[in-house]
């Protein structure tokens, strides 16, 4: 029986000029396999955001450039972890990861300040909210501003 789960934030390989993809990993101590918790899709992928929970994934996947150990969570607390994960609405992966970490902090499952540390590491998104609530890429927004200024 598992006594505890190690928690990591994983940073995936950079693809293109967008922000890095972030995931939470939970693994049995010393295991080569883990469960990935992350959000995929969204406007940059021309679709809706989707929460993914993928068990049996490799800790040393080629898609992961590096990972940072957050701490260890008692196996008896795993339902609190799952609740924190599903409580956060799907959104851009870095923001989602930070909000899940904040939920884990509120449950005293990860060290205080963890979410702030990762919030400070977030990269600018290629998708921003406009005043009317629509999302668009920063490149498109720039093009619209340049076009408007030239008229």
N, C-alpha and C. Protein backbone atom coordinates (compact mmCIF):
# COMPACT_ATOMS: atom_id res chain seq x y z
N UNK A 1 0.83 -1.19 0.00
CA UNK A 1 0.00 0.00 0.00
C UNK A 1 0.88 1.25 0.00
N UNK A 2 0.45 2.27 -0.73
CA UNK A 2 1.20 3.51 -0.86
C UNK A 2 0.99 4.37 0.39
N UNK A 3 2.10 4.87 0.96
CA UNK A 3 2.01 5.74 2.14
C UNK A 3 1.85 7.20 1.77
N UNK A 4 2.51 7.59 0.65
CA UNK A 4 2.47 9.00 0.26
C UNK A 4 2.69 9.15 -1.25
N UNK A 5 2.36 10.32 -1.73
CA UNK A 5 2.53 10.68 -3.13
C UNK A 5 3.47 11.88 -3.20
N UNK A 6 4.46 11.81 -4.08
CA UNK A 6 5.31 12.96 -4.34
C UNK A 6 4.62 13.83 -5.38
N UNK A 7 4.66 15.15 -5.16
CA UNK A 7 4.01 16.11 -6.05
C UNK A 7 5.09 16.94 -6.74
N UNK A 8 4.95 17.09 -8.05
CA UNK A 8 5.88 17.87 -8.86
C UNK A 8 5.10 18.81 -9.77
N UNK A 9 5.74 19.92 -10.14
CA UNK A 9 5.28 20.71 -11.27
C UNK A 9 6.24 20.37 -12.40
N UNK A 10 5.67 19.98 -13.54
CA UNK A 10 6.48 19.64 -14.71
C UNK A 10 6.36 20.74 -15.75
N UNK A 11 7.48 21.07 -16.36
CA UNK A 11 7.55 22.04 -17.44
C UNK A 11 7.88 21.27 -18.72
N UNK A 12 7.01 21.34 -19.68
CA UNK A 12 7.20 20.57 -20.91
C UNK A 12 8.18 21.27 -21.85
N UNK A 13 8.60 20.55 -22.87
CA UNK A 13 9.49 21.10 -23.88
C UNK A 13 8.80 22.28 -24.57
N UNK A 14 9.54 23.34 -24.83
CA UNK A 14 8.96 24.49 -25.51
C UNK A 14 8.70 24.13 -26.97
N UNK A 15 7.51 24.49 -27.42
CA UNK A 15 7.14 24.26 -28.82
C UNK A 15 6.71 25.60 -29.39
N UNK A 16 7.46 26.09 -30.36
CA UNK A 16 7.12 27.39 -30.94
C UNK A 16 7.46 28.51 -29.98
N UNK A 17 6.72 29.62 -30.11
CA UNK A 17 7.02 30.79 -29.28
C UNK A 17 6.00 31.01 -28.17
N UNK A 18 5.15 30.03 -27.93
CA UNK A 18 4.13 30.15 -26.88
C UNK A 18 4.71 29.85 -25.51
N UNK A 19 3.90 30.07 -24.48
CA UNK A 19 4.35 29.76 -23.13
C UNK A 19 4.52 28.25 -22.93
N UNK A 20 5.38 27.88 -21.99
CA UNK A 20 5.58 26.47 -21.67
C UNK A 20 4.29 25.83 -21.17
N UNK A 21 4.12 24.56 -21.48
CA UNK A 21 3.00 23.80 -20.94
C UNK A 21 3.41 23.29 -19.56
N UNK A 22 2.53 23.51 -18.58
CA UNK A 22 2.77 23.06 -17.21
C UNK A 22 1.81 21.95 -16.85
N UNK A 23 2.28 21.03 -16.01
CA UNK A 23 1.45 19.93 -15.51
C UNK A 23 1.79 19.69 -14.04
N UNK A 24 0.84 19.10 -13.33
CA UNK A 24 1.12 18.55 -12.00
C UNK A 24 1.36 17.06 -12.17
N UNK A 25 2.35 16.54 -11.49
CA UNK A 25 2.64 15.10 -11.51
C UNK A 25 2.50 14.58 -10.09
N UNK A 26 1.86 13.44 -9.95
CA UNK A 26 1.81 12.73 -8.67
C UNK A 26 2.39 11.35 -8.89
N UNK A 27 3.35 10.98 -8.05
CA UNK A 27 4.02 9.69 -8.20
C UNK A 27 4.28 9.07 -6.84
N UNK A 28 4.26 7.76 -6.81
CA UNK A 28 4.72 7.05 -5.62
C UNK A 28 6.21 7.32 -5.50
N UNK A 29 6.69 7.47 -4.28
CA UNK A 29 8.10 7.77 -4.07
C UNK A 29 8.98 6.73 -4.76
N UNK A 30 9.91 7.20 -5.60
CA UNK A 30 10.85 6.32 -6.28
C UNK A 30 10.31 5.66 -7.54
N UNK A 31 9.06 5.89 -7.86
CA UNK A 31 8.46 5.26 -9.04
C UNK A 31 8.91 5.95 -10.33
N UNK A 32 8.98 5.17 -11.39
CA UNK A 32 9.28 5.72 -12.71
C UNK A 32 8.01 6.12 -13.45
N UNK A 33 6.87 5.81 -12.87
CA UNK A 33 5.56 6.13 -13.47
C UNK A 33 4.81 7.09 -12.56
N UNK A 34 3.94 7.88 -13.18
CA UNK A 34 3.19 8.88 -12.41
C UNK A 34 1.86 9.16 -13.10
N UNK A 35 1.08 10.04 -12.51
CA UNK A 35 -0.15 10.51 -13.13
C UNK A 35 0.03 11.98 -13.47
N UNK A 36 -0.31 12.32 -14.72
CA UNK A 36 -0.24 13.70 -15.18
C UNK A 36 -1.60 14.34 -14.99
N UNK A 37 -1.63 15.53 -14.42
CA UNK A 37 -2.84 16.34 -14.29
C UNK A 37 -2.56 17.65 -15.00
N UNK A 38 -3.32 17.92 -16.06
CA UNK A 38 -3.05 19.15 -16.81
C UNK A 38 -4.25 19.55 -17.64
N UNK A 39 -4.14 20.74 -18.25
CA UNK A 39 -5.18 21.26 -19.13
C UNK A 39 -4.58 21.42 -20.52
N UNK A 40 -5.31 20.95 -21.51
CA UNK A 40 -4.88 21.07 -22.91
C UNK A 40 -5.95 21.82 -23.69
N UNK A 41 -5.60 22.18 -24.92
CA UNK A 41 -6.56 22.85 -25.80
C UNK A 41 -6.60 24.34 -25.56
N UNK A 42 -7.75 24.92 -25.84
CA UNK A 42 -7.94 26.36 -25.69
C UNK A 42 -7.82 27.08 -27.01
N UNK A 43 -7.96 28.41 -26.98
CA UNK A 43 -7.97 29.20 -28.21
C UNK A 43 -6.75 29.02 -29.10
N UNK A 44 -5.57 28.84 -28.50
CA UNK A 44 -4.37 28.67 -29.33
C UNK A 44 -4.38 27.34 -30.07
N UNK A 45 -5.21 26.40 -29.61
CA UNK A 45 -5.34 25.09 -30.26
C UNK A 45 -6.67 24.99 -31.01
N UNK A 46 -7.35 26.12 -31.16
CA UNK A 46 -8.62 26.20 -31.90
C UNK A 46 -9.68 25.27 -31.34
N UNK A 47 -9.78 25.23 -30.02
CA UNK A 47 -10.78 24.38 -29.39
C UNK A 47 -11.03 24.80 -27.96
N UNK A 48 -11.79 24.01 -27.26
CA UNK A 48 -12.08 24.27 -25.85
C UNK A 48 -10.96 23.72 -24.98
N UNK A 49 -10.83 24.29 -23.79
CA UNK A 49 -9.91 23.74 -22.81
C UNK A 49 -10.46 22.41 -22.32
N UNK A 50 -9.55 21.50 -21.97
CA UNK A 50 -9.95 20.18 -21.48
C UNK A 50 -8.98 19.72 -20.40
N UNK A 51 -9.53 19.28 -19.27
CA UNK A 51 -8.71 18.74 -18.18
C UNK A 51 -8.33 17.31 -18.55
N UNK A 52 -7.05 16.98 -18.40
CA UNK A 52 -6.58 15.62 -18.68
C UNK A 52 -5.98 15.04 -17.41
N UNK A 53 -6.36 13.81 -17.13
CA UNK A 53 -5.77 13.03 -16.04
C UNK A 53 -5.28 11.75 -16.69
N UNK A 54 -3.96 11.59 -16.74
CA UNK A 54 -3.35 10.47 -17.46
C UNK A 54 -2.46 9.67 -16.52
N UNK A 55 -2.93 8.49 -16.15
CA UNK A 55 -2.19 7.61 -15.24
C UNK A 55 -1.17 6.77 -16.02
N UNK A 56 -0.16 6.31 -15.32
CA UNK A 56 0.82 5.40 -15.91
C UNK A 56 1.80 6.06 -16.86
N UNK A 57 1.95 7.39 -16.78
CA UNK A 57 2.87 8.10 -17.66
C UNK A 57 4.29 8.04 -17.08
N UNK A 58 5.26 8.21 -17.95
CA UNK A 58 6.67 8.15 -17.52
C UNK A 58 7.08 9.44 -16.82
N UNK A 59 7.79 9.30 -15.72
CA UNK A 59 8.34 10.47 -15.02
C UNK A 59 9.39 11.17 -15.89
N UNK A 60 10.12 10.38 -16.67
CA UNK A 60 11.20 10.94 -17.49
C UNK A 60 10.78 11.08 -18.96
N UNK A 61 9.53 11.40 -19.20
CA UNK A 61 9.02 11.55 -20.56
C UNK A 61 9.86 12.57 -21.34
N UNK A 62 10.08 12.31 -22.61
CA UNK A 62 10.84 13.23 -23.45
C UNK A 62 10.11 14.57 -23.60
N UNK A 63 8.81 14.58 -23.38
CA UNK A 63 8.03 15.82 -23.48
C UNK A 63 8.24 16.77 -22.32
N UNK A 64 8.87 16.28 -21.25
CA UNK A 64 9.10 17.10 -20.06
C UNK A 64 10.55 17.58 -20.07
N UNK A 65 10.73 18.91 -20.02
CA UNK A 65 12.10 19.44 -20.00
C UNK A 65 12.68 19.43 -18.59
N UNK A 66 11.83 19.69 -17.59
CA UNK A 66 12.29 19.64 -16.20
C UNK A 66 11.08 19.56 -15.28
N UNK A 67 11.33 19.16 -14.06
CA UNK A 67 10.26 19.13 -13.07
C UNK A 67 10.82 19.59 -11.73
N UNK A 68 9.94 20.15 -10.92
CA UNK A 68 10.33 20.65 -9.61
C UNK A 68 9.50 19.94 -8.55
N UNK A 69 10.19 19.41 -7.57
CA UNK A 69 9.52 18.72 -6.46
C UNK A 69 8.85 19.75 -5.56
N UNK A 70 7.58 19.51 -5.25
CA UNK A 70 6.81 20.42 -4.39
C UNK A 70 6.75 19.88 -2.97
N UNK A 71 6.51 18.59 -2.84
CA UNK A 71 6.40 17.99 -1.52
C UNK A 71 5.76 16.63 -1.60
N UNK A 72 5.47 16.08 -0.45
CA UNK A 72 4.87 14.76 -0.35
C UNK A 72 3.52 14.89 0.35
N UNK A 73 2.53 14.17 -0.16
CA UNK A 73 1.18 14.21 0.39
C UNK A 73 0.81 12.80 0.84
N UNK A 74 0.29 12.70 2.05
CA UNK A 74 -0.12 11.40 2.58
C UNK A 74 -1.17 10.77 1.68
N UNK A 75 -1.07 9.47 1.48
CA UNK A 75 -2.03 8.76 0.63
C UNK A 75 -3.46 8.96 1.13
N UNK A 76 -3.63 9.13 2.42
CA UNK A 76 -4.98 9.33 2.98
C UNK A 76 -5.59 10.67 2.55
N UNK A 77 -4.78 11.56 2.00
CA UNK A 77 -5.25 12.89 1.58
C UNK A 77 -5.51 12.97 0.07
N UNK A 78 -5.39 11.86 -0.64
CA UNK A 78 -5.49 11.90 -2.11
C UNK A 78 -6.84 12.43 -2.58
N UNK A 79 -7.91 12.18 -1.86
CA UNK A 79 -9.22 12.71 -2.28
C UNK A 79 -9.27 14.23 -2.21
N UNK A 80 -8.54 14.83 -1.27
CA UNK A 80 -8.45 16.29 -1.21
C UNK A 80 -7.71 16.83 -2.44
N UNK A 81 -6.70 16.09 -2.87
CA UNK A 81 -5.96 16.49 -4.07
C UNK A 81 -6.88 16.44 -5.28
N UNK A 82 -7.58 15.34 -5.43
CA UNK A 82 -8.50 15.20 -6.57
C UNK A 82 -9.58 16.27 -6.55
N UNK A 83 -10.09 16.59 -5.37
CA UNK A 83 -11.11 17.64 -5.25
C UNK A 83 -10.55 19.00 -5.67
N UNK A 84 -9.33 19.30 -5.26
CA UNK A 84 -8.70 20.57 -5.64
C UNK A 84 -8.51 20.65 -7.15
N UNK A 85 -8.17 19.52 -7.76
CA UNK A 85 -7.95 19.49 -9.21
C UNK A 85 -9.24 19.74 -9.98
N UNK A 86 -10.32 19.10 -9.58
CA UNK A 86 -11.58 19.27 -10.32
C UNK A 86 -12.29 20.57 -9.95
N UNK A 87 -11.93 21.19 -8.83
CA UNK A 87 -12.58 22.44 -8.41
C UNK A 87 -12.15 23.63 -9.25
N UNK A 88 -10.97 23.55 -9.85
CA UNK A 88 -10.46 24.69 -10.63
C UNK A 88 -10.98 24.59 -12.06
N UNK A 89 -11.64 25.64 -12.53
CA UNK A 89 -12.15 25.63 -13.91
C UNK A 89 -11.00 25.49 -14.91
N UNK A 90 -11.27 24.80 -16.02
CA UNK A 90 -10.24 24.65 -17.05
C UNK A 90 -9.95 26.02 -17.66
N UNK A 91 -8.69 26.25 -17.93
CA UNK A 91 -8.19 27.52 -18.45
C UNK A 91 -6.76 27.30 -18.89
N UNK A 92 -6.05 28.35 -19.22
CA UNK A 92 -4.66 28.25 -19.65
C UNK A 92 -3.88 27.44 -18.60
N UNK A 93 -3.02 26.54 -19.06
CA UNK A 93 -2.41 25.53 -18.18
C UNK A 93 -1.58 26.10 -17.04
N UNK A 94 -0.83 27.18 -17.28
CA UNK A 94 -0.02 27.73 -16.19
C UNK A 94 -0.91 28.32 -15.10
N UNK A 95 -1.92 29.09 -15.49
CA UNK A 95 -2.85 29.67 -14.50
C UNK A 95 -3.59 28.56 -13.76
N UNK A 96 -4.03 27.51 -14.49
CA UNK A 96 -4.73 26.39 -13.86
C UNK A 96 -3.84 25.72 -12.81
N UNK A 97 -2.59 25.49 -13.16
CA UNK A 97 -1.65 24.85 -12.23
C UNK A 97 -1.48 25.69 -10.97
N UNK A 98 -1.32 27.00 -11.14
CA UNK A 98 -1.17 27.90 -9.99
C UNK A 98 -2.42 27.85 -9.10
N UNK A 99 -3.60 27.84 -9.72
CA UNK A 99 -4.83 27.81 -8.92
C UNK A 99 -5.01 26.47 -8.20
N UNK A 100 -4.61 25.38 -8.83
CA UNK A 100 -4.67 24.08 -8.14
C UNK A 100 -3.70 24.09 -6.95
N UNK A 101 -2.50 24.62 -7.16
CA UNK A 101 -1.54 24.71 -6.05
C UNK A 101 -2.10 25.56 -4.91
N UNK A 102 -2.80 26.64 -5.25
CA UNK A 102 -3.42 27.47 -4.21
C UNK A 102 -4.47 26.67 -3.43
N UNK A 103 -5.23 25.84 -4.13
CA UNK A 103 -6.20 24.98 -3.46
C UNK A 103 -5.53 23.97 -2.55
N UNK A 104 -4.41 23.43 -2.99
CA UNK A 104 -3.66 22.48 -2.16
C UNK A 104 -3.06 23.18 -0.94
N UNK A 105 -2.67 24.44 -1.12
CA UNK A 105 -2.18 25.23 0.02
C UNK A 105 -3.28 25.43 1.06
N UNK A 106 -4.49 25.77 0.59
CA UNK A 106 -5.60 25.99 1.52
C UNK A 106 -5.90 24.74 2.33
N UNK A 107 -5.63 23.58 1.76
CA UNK A 107 -5.83 22.30 2.46
C UNK A 107 -4.59 21.89 3.26
N UNK A 108 -3.56 22.76 3.25
CA UNK A 108 -2.29 22.50 3.96
C UNK A 108 -1.60 21.24 3.43
N UNK A 109 -1.73 21.00 2.13
CA UNK A 109 -1.11 19.82 1.52
C UNK A 109 0.23 20.13 0.86
N UNK A 110 0.46 21.39 0.53
CA UNK A 110 1.76 21.83 0.00
C UNK A 110 2.18 23.05 0.81
N UNK A 111 3.47 23.39 0.80
CA UNK A 111 3.94 24.51 1.61
C UNK A 111 3.27 25.83 1.25
N UNK A 112 3.03 26.65 2.26
CA UNK A 112 2.49 27.99 2.05
C UNK A 112 3.44 28.78 1.14
N UNK A 113 2.88 29.52 0.22
CA UNK A 113 3.69 30.32 -0.70
C UNK A 113 4.00 29.62 -2.01
N UNK A 114 3.68 28.35 -2.11
CA UNK A 114 3.97 27.60 -3.35
C UNK A 114 3.27 28.24 -4.55
N UNK A 115 2.00 28.57 -4.40
CA UNK A 115 1.26 29.12 -5.55
C UNK A 115 1.81 30.49 -5.94
N UNK A 116 2.23 31.29 -4.97
CA UNK A 116 2.82 32.60 -5.28
C UNK A 116 4.12 32.42 -6.05
N UNK A 117 4.95 31.47 -5.61
CA UNK A 117 6.21 31.20 -6.32
C UNK A 117 5.95 30.87 -7.78
N UNK A 118 4.97 30.02 -8.04
CA UNK A 118 4.69 29.62 -9.42
C UNK A 118 3.95 30.72 -10.18
N UNK A 119 3.13 31.49 -9.49
CA UNK A 119 2.48 32.63 -10.15
C UNK A 119 3.54 33.59 -10.69
N UNK A 120 4.62 33.77 -9.93
CA UNK A 120 5.70 34.66 -10.35
C UNK A 120 6.51 34.10 -11.51
N UNK A 121 6.38 32.81 -11.79
CA UNK A 121 7.10 32.19 -12.90
C UNK A 121 6.27 32.11 -14.18
N UNK A 122 4.99 32.50 -14.09
CA UNK A 122 4.12 32.38 -15.25
C UNK A 122 4.61 33.25 -16.40
N UNK A 123 4.48 32.72 -17.61
CA UNK A 123 4.84 33.45 -18.81
C UNK A 123 3.59 34.13 -19.38
N UNK A 124 3.78 35.24 -20.09
CA UNK A 124 2.61 35.87 -20.72
C UNK A 124 1.92 34.90 -21.67
N UNK A 125 0.62 34.93 -21.64
CA UNK A 125 -0.17 34.06 -22.51
C UNK A 125 -0.26 34.66 -23.90
N UNK A 126 -0.43 33.81 -24.90
CA UNK A 126 -0.69 34.28 -26.26
C UNK A 126 -2.15 34.68 -26.43
N UNK A 127 -2.95 34.42 -25.42
CA UNK A 127 -4.38 34.72 -25.48
C UNK A 127 -4.72 35.61 -24.31
N UNK A 128 -5.32 36.72 -24.59
CA UNK A 128 -5.72 37.66 -23.55
C UNK A 128 -7.20 37.99 -23.71
N UNK A 129 -7.83 38.34 -22.61
CA UNK A 129 -9.23 38.75 -22.65
C UNK A 129 -9.30 40.20 -23.14
N UNK A 130 -10.23 40.46 -24.04
CA UNK A 130 -10.47 41.82 -24.49
C UNK A 130 -11.61 42.40 -23.66
N UNK A 131 -11.89 43.69 -23.81
CA UNK A 131 -12.91 44.34 -22.99
C UNK A 131 -14.28 43.70 -23.14
N UNK A 132 -14.61 43.20 -24.32
CA UNK A 132 -15.94 42.63 -24.52
C UNK A 132 -16.00 41.14 -24.16
N UNK A 133 -14.90 40.61 -23.59
CA UNK A 133 -14.91 39.23 -23.13
C UNK A 133 -14.43 38.22 -24.15
N UNK A 134 -14.17 38.66 -25.37
CA UNK A 134 -13.68 37.74 -26.39
C UNK A 134 -12.19 37.53 -26.20
N UNK A 135 -11.71 36.37 -26.58
CA UNK A 135 -10.28 36.10 -26.51
C UNK A 135 -9.68 36.21 -27.90
N UNK A 136 -8.45 36.69 -27.95
CA UNK A 136 -7.76 36.71 -29.24
C UNK A 136 -6.27 36.60 -28.98
N UNK A 137 -5.54 36.25 -30.00
CA UNK A 137 -4.10 36.12 -29.82
C UNK A 137 -3.48 37.51 -29.74
N UNK A 138 -2.35 37.63 -29.06
CA UNK A 138 -1.66 38.90 -28.96
C UNK A 138 -1.21 39.38 -30.33
N UNK A 139 -0.84 38.46 -31.21
CA UNK A 139 -0.42 38.84 -32.56
C UNK A 139 -1.58 39.48 -33.31
N UNK A 140 -2.78 38.90 -33.21
CA UNK A 140 -3.95 39.45 -33.87
C UNK A 140 -4.29 40.81 -33.29
N UNK A 141 -4.21 40.96 -31.98
CA UNK A 141 -4.48 42.23 -31.33
C UNK A 141 -3.50 43.28 -31.83
N UNK A 142 -2.22 42.94 -31.92
CA UNK A 142 -1.21 43.86 -32.43
C UNK A 142 -1.53 44.28 -33.86
N UNK A 143 -1.89 43.31 -34.71
CA UNK A 143 -2.23 43.61 -36.10
C UNK A 143 -3.42 44.56 -36.19
N UNK A 144 -4.42 44.36 -35.33
CA UNK A 144 -5.59 45.23 -35.34
C UNK A 144 -5.22 46.65 -34.92
N UNK A 145 -4.35 46.79 -33.93
CA UNK A 145 -3.92 48.11 -33.47
C UNK A 145 -3.14 48.81 -34.57
N UNK A 146 -2.21 48.11 -35.20
CA UNK A 146 -1.40 48.69 -36.27
C UNK A 146 -2.30 49.13 -37.42
N UNK A 147 -3.27 48.27 -37.78
CA UNK A 147 -4.19 48.58 -38.88
C UNK A 147 -5.02 49.81 -38.54
N UNK A 148 -5.50 49.92 -37.32
CA UNK A 148 -6.31 51.05 -36.89
C UNK A 148 -5.49 52.33 -36.89
N UNK A 149 -4.24 52.25 -36.42
CA UNK A 149 -3.36 53.42 -36.38
C UNK A 149 -3.02 53.93 -37.77
N UNK A 150 -2.96 53.04 -38.75
CA UNK A 150 -2.56 53.44 -40.10
C UNK A 150 -3.72 54.04 -40.88
N UNK A 151 -4.94 53.90 -40.39
CA UNK A 151 -6.12 54.47 -41.09
C UNK A 151 -6.37 55.89 -40.70
